[in-house]
Structures are given as structure tokens and as C-alpha cells.
């Protein structure tokens, strides 16, 4: 079984030791293991539902390359994603679903990003977003300066000297790339951190 697992992983170009516990693998590696399991069962069709949703940029690239290799081997792949860039990179045909119904199926060469979005939301792109509006009253309710996360590992030292002002009626969003430092920023709320000043005026 060990040799068979190793051979399957090597066949799809993945250098993962079959003796490694799944709990010790990254999210991307776990997905590769699931694909290997499907191949070991002689599957002819593999369905992937938002497979890159929790992956870093590097892991996404690895997975997309793997999907291309599977296609070259003659496997059929149903790839479900809201990332249109991935659809245009991988797909031969695309099907748009809306409200549980098929809106359109067409060769990827016959569609554009704009046409797909229009079919997905049933309106023109120009109607998707209105004029930006702010509900902030201008009155600050929280001011933070010099917020830094006490690092557990050296890499976490990148999170330092964060500052922001939150106003009444305002929603403050903190965003970033998966695999980067945004999760460490949110960890400041749950772990010891340094802060030069924090005030609620």
C-alpha cells in the first residue's frame, strides 16, 4: 500500500511521503491527497468545488498545474469556482448556474469575463456597484496606534506598528491575501500584543 501510494503521488508530480500524517499536511497537500485517492480508485471524473478557496497563491499555482496534468492524462474534471481567472486558465467549456438553473453552456473561447458576470448576476456590470457611501459620522470611537503582535515565530515580526481610527457608524474591514499576514493581524485580538496607544474618545 505504501509503494502504491508513493507511485500515485509521484505520477501526479507530488513529493509527499505517504507515511506523513494528514494532520501534518498543509491544506493544499491535503487536497492533493484527496485527488490521489480518487486516482487510486480508477476514477474517470473528478469534481472540485472551490478547491483554491483556502489556498495560498503558491498552493493555487500547484493545484492548477495538477489539474492540467490530470486533463492531459484523459481525466474529466468538473471545476467549480467563482474565480474567473481560474476558469479561463483551465476550462474547455463553461456552464453558468443561477438560482439552481443552467443559464448557459459554451466553449470558453466564445465567452468573456463580462458576459459570464452578466449571466451570473442577471444584470450589466455597470449596475453592480452604486456610488460609494459612507455612514461614518466623523466622530471617532476607537483610535489605535503602534499595535504590534508579540511574535511566536520570527516570521510574525512583520506585523508591527499598525494604526487606525474607527468612526461611529463605520465598519472597518481588514483584508489581505491568503497565506500572508492578515490572519496574524486578526490574531492580535486573541493573543498578547503591544500597543503604544489605544483610546476610545
Protein backbone atom coordinates (compact mmCIF):
# COMPACT_ATOMS: atom_id res chain seq x y z
CA UNK A 1 0.00 0.00 0.00
CA UNK A 2 2.86 2.37 0.84
CA UNK A 3 4.54 1.71 -2.50
CA UNK A 4 1.26 2.14 -4.41
CA UNK A 5 0.54 5.44 -2.65
CA UNK A 6 4.04 6.70 -3.36
CA UNK A 7 3.76 5.72 -7.03
CA UNK A 8 0.43 7.54 -7.44
CA UNK A 9 1.78 10.69 -5.78
CA UNK A 10 4.86 10.61 -7.98
CA UNK A 11 2.69 10.08 -11.05
CA UNK A 12 0.94 13.39 -10.44
CA UNK A 13 4.22 15.10 -9.62
CA UNK A 14 3.77 15.46 -5.86
CA UNK A 15 6.65 14.79 -3.47
CA UNK A 16 4.69 13.78 -0.36
CA UNK A 17 5.77 10.95 1.93
CA UNK A 18 2.81 8.52 2.25
CA UNK A 19 3.85 7.89 5.85
CA UNK A 20 3.13 11.52 6.81
CA UNK A 21 0.07 12.09 8.98
CA UNK A 22 -2.66 14.08 7.23
CA UNK A 23 -2.79 16.45 10.21
CA UNK A 24 0.80 17.47 9.41
CA UNK A 25 0.00 18.42 5.80
CA UNK A 26 -0.97 21.84 4.53
CA UNK A 27 -4.45 22.45 3.12
CA UNK A 28 -3.06 22.28 -0.40
CA UNK A 29 -1.28 18.99 0.28
CA UNK A 30 -4.46 17.51 1.75
CA UNK A 31 -6.30 18.32 -1.46
CA UNK A 32 -3.58 16.58 -3.45
CA UNK A 33 -4.02 13.52 -1.24
CA UNK A 34 -7.76 13.51 -1.98
CA UNK A 35 -7.01 13.64 -5.70
CA UNK A 36 -4.56 10.76 -5.30
CA UNK A 37 -7.26 8.76 -3.51
CA UNK A 38 -9.61 9.32 -6.45
CA UNK A 39 -6.92 8.15 -8.88
CA UNK A 40 -6.27 5.03 -6.80
CA UNK A 41 -9.97 4.18 -7.21
CA UNK A 42 -9.60 4.43 -11.01
CA UNK A 43 -11.91 7.45 -11.15
CA UNK A 44 -12.59 8.86 -14.60
CA UNK A 45 -14.28 12.04 -13.40
CA UNK A 46 -13.11 14.32 -10.57
CA UNK A 47 -15.32 17.11 -9.19
CA UNK A 48 -13.56 20.03 -7.50
CA UNK A 49 -15.75 22.51 -5.63
CA UNK A 50 -13.94 25.80 -4.89
CA UNK A 51 -10.63 23.94 -4.44
CA UNK A 52 -8.49 27.08 -4.11
CA UNK A 53 -10.70 28.97 -1.66
CA UNK A 54 -8.33 28.36 1.28
CA UNK A 55 -5.05 28.09 -0.61
CA UNK A 56 -2.12 30.48 -0.79
CA UNK A 57 -1.02 31.89 -4.14
CA UNK A 58 1.74 29.27 -4.42
CA UNK A 59 -0.55 26.38 -3.49
CA UNK A 60 -3.10 27.60 -6.02
CA UNK A 61 -0.48 27.51 -8.76
CA UNK A 62 0.47 23.95 -7.78
CA UNK A 63 -3.15 22.81 -7.86
CA UNK A 64 -3.89 24.42 -11.23
CA UNK A 65 -0.81 22.74 -12.71
CA UNK A 66 -2.03 19.41 -11.30
CA UNK A 67 -5.48 19.87 -12.88
CA UNK A 68 -3.81 20.46 -16.23
CA UNK A 69 -1.80 17.24 -15.85
CA UNK A 70 -4.96 15.32 -15.00
CA UNK A 71 -6.61 16.65 -18.14
CA UNK A 72 -3.60 15.61 -20.22
CA UNK A 73 -3.97 12.09 -18.79
CA UNK A 74 -7.52 11.95 -20.13
CA UNK A 75 -9.45 12.51 -16.89
CA UNK A 76 -12.59 14.62 -16.96
CA UNK A 77 -12.64 17.42 -14.36
CA UNK A 78 -15.66 19.40 -13.21
CA UNK A 79 -14.10 22.53 -11.76
CA UNK A 80 -16.43 24.76 -9.73
CA UNK A 81 -15.08 28.19 -8.89
CA UNK A 82 -16.07 31.84 -8.55
CA UNK A 83 -12.51 32.85 -9.54
CA UNK A 84 -12.98 33.58 -13.24
CA UNK A 85 -9.23 33.74 -13.83
CA UNK A 86 -9.01 30.05 -12.95
CA UNK A 87 -11.93 29.20 -15.23
CA UNK A 88 -10.30 30.90 -18.21
CA UNK A 89 -6.96 29.22 -17.45
CA UNK A 90 -8.33 25.68 -17.09
CA UNK A 91 -11.69 25.20 -18.74
CA UNK A 92 -12.54 23.97 -22.21
CA UNK A 93 -16.26 24.59 -21.63
CA UNK A 94 -18.04 26.68 -19.05
CA UNK A 95 -21.52 26.41 -17.59
CA UNK A 96 -23.15 29.27 -15.69
CA UNK A 97 -25.69 28.39 -12.99
CA UNK A 98 -28.03 30.91 -11.38
CA UNK A 99 -30.74 30.16 -8.82
CA UNK A 100 -30.31 26.44 -9.37
CA UNK A 101 -30.80 26.61 -13.14
CA UNK A 102 -28.46 26.42 -16.11
CA UNK A 103 -28.16 29.83 -17.76
CA UNK A 104 -25.64 28.98 -20.47
CA UNK A 105 -23.08 26.41 -21.57
CA UNK A 106 -20.47 27.41 -24.13
CA UNK A 107 -16.87 26.81 -25.21
CA UNK A 108 -14.57 29.01 -23.17
CA UNK A 109 -13.32 30.67 -26.36
CA UNK A 110 -16.82 32.05 -27.01
CA UNK A 111 -17.30 33.87 -23.69
CA UNK A 112 -15.75 36.85 -21.96
CA UNK A 113 -15.36 37.78 -18.32
CA UNK A 114 -18.04 40.43 -18.76
CA UNK A 115 -20.52 38.03 -20.37
CA UNK A 116 -20.01 35.46 -17.61
CA UNK A 117 -20.56 38.00 -14.85
CA UNK A 118 -23.65 39.32 -16.62
CA UNK A 119 -25.10 35.81 -16.82
CA UNK A 120 -24.19 35.07 -13.20
CA UNK A 121 -25.92 38.15 -11.74
CA UNK A 122 -28.51 38.82 -14.47
CA UNK A 123 -27.56 42.46 -14.97
CA UNK A 124 -24.89 44.61 -16.57
CA UNK A 125 -21.58 45.20 -14.84
CA UNK A 126 -22.31 48.91 -14.65
CA UNK A 127 -25.29 48.12 -12.40
CA UNK A 128 -23.36 46.00 -9.90
CA UNK A 129 -21.99 48.83 -7.81
CA UNK A 130 -23.60 52.08 -6.89
CA UNK A 131 -21.88 55.23 -5.74
CA UNK A 132 -19.79 54.57 -2.60
CA UNK A 133 -21.48 55.88 0.52
CA UNK A 134 -20.11 56.38 3.99
CA UNK A 135 -22.25 56.11 7.12
CA UNK A 136 -19.48 57.38 9.36
CA UNK A 137 -20.48 60.36 11.46
CA UNK A 138 -16.94 61.71 11.62
CA UNK A 139 -16.83 61.13 15.37
CA UNK A 140 -14.01 58.70 16.27
CA UNK A 141 -14.92 55.93 18.72
CA UNK A 142 -11.62 54.00 18.66
CA UNK A 143 -8.10 55.12 17.89
CA UNK A 144 -5.21 52.64 17.80
CA UNK A 145 -1.56 53.49 17.25
CA UNK A 146 1.54 51.32 17.17
CA UNK A 147 -0.25 47.97 17.50
CA UNK A 148 2.19 45.03 17.16
CA UNK A 149 1.73 41.29 17.57
CA UNK A 150 4.05 39.62 20.05
CA UNK A 151 5.70 37.13 17.66
CA UNK A 152 5.69 33.43 18.41
CA UNK A 153 7.85 32.80 15.35
CA UNK A 154 10.33 35.11 13.67
CA UNK A 155 8.16 35.44 10.56
CA UNK A 156 5.41 37.07 12.61
CA UNK A 157 7.60 40.08 13.32
CA UNK A 158 6.25 41.56 10.08
CA UNK A 159 3.07 42.54 11.94
CA UNK A 160 4.05 45.72 13.73
CA UNK A 161 3.14 49.36 14.17
CA UNK A 162 -0.47 49.10 12.93
CA UNK A 163 -2.69 52.12 13.39
CA UNK A 164 -6.28 53.01 12.53
CA UNK A 165 -9.19 55.19 13.56
CA UNK A 166 -12.73 53.79 13.70
CA UNK A 167 -15.64 56.25 13.46
CA UNK A 168 -19.20 55.92 14.71
CA UNK A 169 -21.40 54.16 12.15
CA UNK A 170 -18.39 52.81 10.27
CA UNK A 171 -17.38 49.24 9.51
CA UNK A 172 -13.61 48.76 9.35
CA UNK A 173 -12.54 45.93 7.06
CA UNK A 174 -9.11 44.31 7.21
CA UNK A 175 -8.25 42.25 4.16
CA UNK A 176 -5.27 40.53 2.63
CA UNK A 177 -4.04 37.60 0.60
CA UNK A 178 -4.44 34.07 1.89
CA UNK A 179 -1.12 32.87 3.27
CA UNK A 180 0.06 36.40 4.03
CA UNK A 181 -0.09 38.33 7.28
CA UNK A 182 -3.76 39.27 7.57
CA UNK A 183 -4.60 36.30 9.78
CA UNK A 184 -1.79 37.29 12.11
CA UNK A 185 -3.29 40.77 12.31
CA UNK A 186 -6.61 39.33 13.47
CA UNK A 187 -4.73 37.22 15.99
CA UNK A 188 -3.88 40.44 17.87
CA UNK A 189 -7.39 40.28 19.32
CA UNK A 190 -6.74 36.87 20.88
CA UNK A 191 -3.05 36.90 21.79
CA UNK A 192 -0.74 39.21 23.76
CA UNK A 193 0.16 42.28 21.74
CA UNK A 194 1.99 45.57 22.20
CA UNK A 195 0.27 48.88 21.57
CA UNK A 196 1.68 52.36 22.04
CA UNK A 197 -1.77 53.88 22.39
CA UNK A 198 -5.41 52.79 22.31
CA UNK A 199 -8.19 55.18 23.13
CA UNK A 200 -11.98 55.40 22.99
CA UNK A 201 -12.61 59.17 22.77
